[in-house]
Amino acid sequence: MIQGILVGITFSIAVGFIIKKFFWKKKTAKACGKDDCGC
């Protein structure tokens, strides 16, 4: 039971990290021409 909870937490953190990384990439592409041009 504890093992299942730990697996669920680890999976949630991994998915959250991937989604955050994906959104971070999208934001950087949009903000490139606006404020800080990092192109």
PDB file of N, CA and C in Angstrom:
ATOM      1  N   MET A   1       0.825  -1.200   0.000  1.00  0.00           N
ATOM      2  CA  MET A   1       0.000   0.000   0.000  1.00  0.00           C
ATOM      3  C   MET A   1       0.869   1.264   0.000  1.00  0.00           C
ATOM      4  N   ILE A   2       1.868   1.290   0.875  1.00  0.00           N
ATOM      5  CA  ILE A   2       2.773   2.447   0.935  1.00  0.00           C
ATOM      6  C   ILE A   2       3.558   2.553  -0.370  1.00  0.00           C
ATOM      7  N   GLN A   3       3.938   1.405  -0.915  1.00  0.00           N
ATOM      8  CA  GLN A   3       4.686   1.385  -2.175  1.00  0.00           C
ATOM      9  C   GLN A   3       3.869   2.010  -3.303  1.00  0.00           C
ATOM     10  N   GLY A   4       2.592   1.697  -3.355  1.00  0.00           N
ATOM     11  CA  GLY A   4       1.704   2.257  -4.380  1.00  0.00           C
ATOM     12  C   GLY A   4       1.584   3.765  -4.263  1.00  0.00           C
ATOM     13  N   ILE A   5       1.512   4.262  -3.030  1.00  0.00           N
ATOM     14  CA  ILE A   5       1.423   5.712  -2.799  1.00  0.00           C
ATOM     15  C   ILE A   5       2.715   6.385  -3.254  1.00  0.00           C
ATOM     16  N   LEU A   6       3.847   5.786  -2.916  1.00  0.00           N
ATOM     17  CA  LEU A   6       5.141   6.352  -3.316  1.00  0.00           C
ATOM     18  C   LEU A   6       5.283   6.387  -4.834  1.00  0.00           C
ATOM     19  N   VAL A   7       4.840   5.332  -5.501  1.00  0.00           N
ATOM     20  CA  VAL A   7       4.885   5.281  -6.965  1.00  0.00           C
ATOM     21  C   VAL A   7       3.999   6.378  -7.546  1.00  0.00           C
ATOM     22  N   GLY A   8       2.818   6.562  -6.972  1.00  0.00           N
ATOM     23  CA  GLY A   8       1.896   7.603  -7.433  1.00  0.00           C
ATOM     24  C   GLY A   8       2.478   8.993  -7.272  1.00  0.00           C
ATOM     25  N   ILE A   9       3.113   9.252  -6.131  1.00  0.00           N
ATOM     26  CA  ILE A   9       3.730  10.564  -5.879  1.00  0.00           C
ATOM     27  C   ILE A   9       4.876  10.796  -6.860  1.00  0.00           C
ATOM     28  N   THR A  10       5.725   9.796  -7.031  1.00  0.00           N
ATOM     29  CA  THR A  10       6.860   9.922  -7.951  1.00  0.00           C
ATOM     30  C   THR A  10       6.382  10.172  -9.374  1.00  0.00           C
ATOM     31  N   PHE A  11       5.349   9.447  -9.786  1.00  0.00           N
ATOM     32  CA  PHE A  11       4.795   9.610 -11.135  1.00  0.00           C
ATOM     33  C   PHE A  11       4.209  11.008 -11.314  1.00  0.00           C
ATOM     34  N   SER A  12       3.510  11.498 -10.292  1.00  0.00           N
ATOM     35  CA  SER A  12       2.911  12.837 -10.352  1.00  0.00           C
ATOM     36  C   SER A  12       3.985  13.913 -10.474  1.00  0.00           C
ATOM     37  N   ILE A  13       5.064  13.769  -9.719  1.00  0.00           N
ATOM     38  CA  ILE A  13       6.168  14.734  -9.776  1.00  0.00           C
ATOM     39  C   ILE A  13       6.805  14.711 -11.161  1.00  0.00           C
ATOM     40  N   ALA A  14       7.011  13.515 -11.706  1.00  0.00           N
ATOM     41  CA  ALA A  14       7.616  13.388 -13.034  1.00  0.00           C
ATOM     42  C   ALA A  14       6.737  14.035 -14.104  1.00  0.00           C
ATOM     43  N   VAL A  15       5.437  13.754 -14.062  1.00  0.00           N
ATOM     44  CA  VAL A  15       4.504  14.330 -15.040  1.00  0.00           C
ATOM     45  C   VAL A  15       4.453  15.848 -14.885  1.00  0.00           C
ATOM     46  N   GLY A  16       4.397  16.318 -13.647  1.00  0.00           N
ATOM     47  CA  GLY A  16       4.384  17.761 -13.384  1.00  0.00           C
ATOM     48  C   GLY A  16       5.634  18.435 -13.915  1.00  0.00           C
ATOM     49  N   PHE A  17       6.788  17.789 -13.741  1.00  0.00           N
ATOM     50  CA  PHE A  17       8.051  18.349 -14.221  1.00  0.00           C
ATOM     51  C   PHE A  17       8.062  18.438 -15.743  1.00  0.00           C
ATOM     52  N   ILE A  18       7.558  17.405 -16.411  1.00  0.00           N
ATOM     53  CA  ILE A  18       7.510  17.389 -17.881  1.00  0.00           C
ATOM     54  C   ILE A  18       6.577  18.488 -18.389  1.00  0.00           C
ATOM     55  N   ILE A  19       5.412  18.631 -17.759  1.00  0.00           N
ATOM     56  CA  ILE A  19       4.451  19.666 -18.167  1.00  0.00           C
ATOM     57  C   ILE A  19       5.045  21.051 -17.938  1.00  0.00           C
ATOM     58  N   LYS A  20       5.710  21.241 -16.795  1.00  0.00           N
ATOM     59  CA  LYS A  20       6.330  22.535 -16.478  1.00  0.00           C
ATOM     60  C   LYS A  20       7.399  22.867 -17.515  1.00  0.00           C
ATOM     61  N   LYS A  21       8.204  21.886 -17.874  1.00  0.00           N
ATOM     62  CA  LYS A  21       9.263  22.085 -18.862  1.00  0.00           C
ATOM     63  C   LYS A  21       8.654  22.451 -20.214  1.00  0.00           C
ATOM     64  N   PHE A  22       7.546  21.796 -20.576  1.00  0.00           N
ATOM     65  CA  PHE A  22       6.876  22.056 -21.850  1.00  0.00           C
ATOM     66  C   PHE A  22       6.326  23.475 -21.888  1.00  0.00           C
ATOM     67  N   PHE A  23       5.688  23.900 -20.801  1.00  0.00           N
ATOM     68  CA  PHE A  23       5.120  25.250 -20.742  1.00  0.00           C
ATOM     69  C   PHE A  23       6.225  26.298 -20.690  1.00  0.00           C
ATOM     70  N   TRP A  24       7.338  25.980 -20.025  1.00  0.00           N
ATOM     71  CA  TRP A  24       8.482  26.898 -19.939  1.00  0.00           C
ATOM     72  C   TRP A  24       9.011  27.163 -21.344  1.00  0.00           C
ATOM     73  N   LYS A  25       9.108  26.114 -22.168  1.00  0.00           N
ATOM     74  CA  LYS A  25       9.573  26.248 -23.550  1.00  0.00           C
ATOM     75  C   LYS A  25       8.628  27.137 -24.349  1.00  0.00           C
ATOM     76  N   LYS A  26       7.319  26.931 -24.189  1.00  0.00           N
ATOM     77  CA  LYS A  26       6.321  27.724 -24.903  1.00  0.00           C
ATOM     78  C   LYS A  26       6.428  29.200 -24.528  1.00  0.00           C
ATOM     79  N   LYS A  27       6.578  29.474 -23.235  1.00  0.00           N
ATOM     80  CA  LYS A  27       6.671  30.851 -22.749  1.00  0.00           C
ATOM     81  C   LYS A  27       7.918  31.531 -23.305  1.00  0.00           C
ATOM     82  N   THR A  28       9.026  30.835 -23.334  1.00  0.00           N
ATOM     83  CA  THR A  28      10.273  31.411 -23.825  1.00  0.00           C
ATOM     84  C   THR A  28      10.138  31.798 -25.295  1.00  0.00           C
ATOM     85  N   ALA A  29       9.447  30.981 -26.060  1.00  0.00           N
ATOM     86  CA  ALA A  29       9.268  31.262 -27.487  1.00  0.00           C
ATOM     87  C   ALA A  29       8.404  32.508 -27.685  1.00  0.00           C
ATOM     88  N   LYS A  30       7.395  32.672 -26.829  1.00  0.00           N
ATOM     89  CA  LYS A  30       6.502  33.822 -26.945  1.00  0.00           C
ATOM     90  C   LYS A  30       7.185  35.103 -26.467  1.00  0.00           C
ATOM     91  N   ALA A  31       7.941  35.023 -25.371  1.00  0.00           N
ATOM     92  CA  ALA A  31       8.563  36.198 -24.770  1.00  0.00           C
ATOM     93  C   ALA A  31       9.856  36.591 -25.480  1.00  0.00           C
ATOM     94  N   CYS A  32      10.234  35.825 -26.485  1.00  0.00           N
ATOM     95  CA  CYS A  32      11.495  36.080 -27.183  1.00  0.00           C
ATOM     96  C   CYS A  32      11.498  37.447 -27.858  1.00  0.00           C
ATOM     97  N   GLY A  33      10.427  37.790 -28.552  1.00  0.00           N
ATOM     98  CA  GLY A  33      10.378  39.054 -29.277  1.00  0.00           C
ATOM     99  C   GLY A  33       9.895  40.221 -28.437  1.00  0.00           C
ATOM    100  N   LYS A  34       9.322  39.938 -27.267  1.00  0.00           N
ATOM    101  CA  LYS A  34       8.747  41.004 -26.431  1.00  0.00           C
ATOM    102  C   LYS A  34       9.799  41.704 -25.573  1.00  0.00           C
ATOM    103  N   ASP A  35      10.202  41.043 -24.492  1.00  0.00           N
ATOM    104  CA  ASP A  35      11.105  41.677 -23.527  1.00  0.00           C
ATOM    105  C   ASP A  35      12.568  41.360 -23.801  1.00  0.00           C
ATOM    106  N   ASP A  36      13.007  40.233 -23.233  1.00  0.00           N
ATOM    107  CA  ASP A  36      14.408  39.843 -23.394  1.00  0.00           C
ATOM    108  C   ASP A  36      14.570  38.962 -24.617  1.00  0.00           C
ATOM    109  N   CYS A  37      15.206  39.465 -25.619  1.00  0.00           N
ATOM    110  CA  CYS A  37      15.397  38.688 -26.841  1.00  0.00           C
ATOM    111  C   CYS A  37      16.571  37.735 -26.642  1.00  0.00           C
ATOM    112  N   GLY A  38      16.269  36.459 -26.507  1.00  0.00           N
ATOM    113  CA  GLY A  38      17.305  35.458 -26.306  1.00  0.00           C
ATOM    114  C   GLY A  38      17.490  34.592 -27.536  1.00  0.00           C
ATOM    115  N   CYS A  39      17.084  35.099 -28.695  1.00  0.00           N
ATOM    116  CA  CYS A  39      17.169  34.320 -29.934  1.00  0.00           C
ATOM    117  C   CYS A  39      18.596  34.303 -30.453  1.00  0.00           C
TER     118      CYS A  39
END
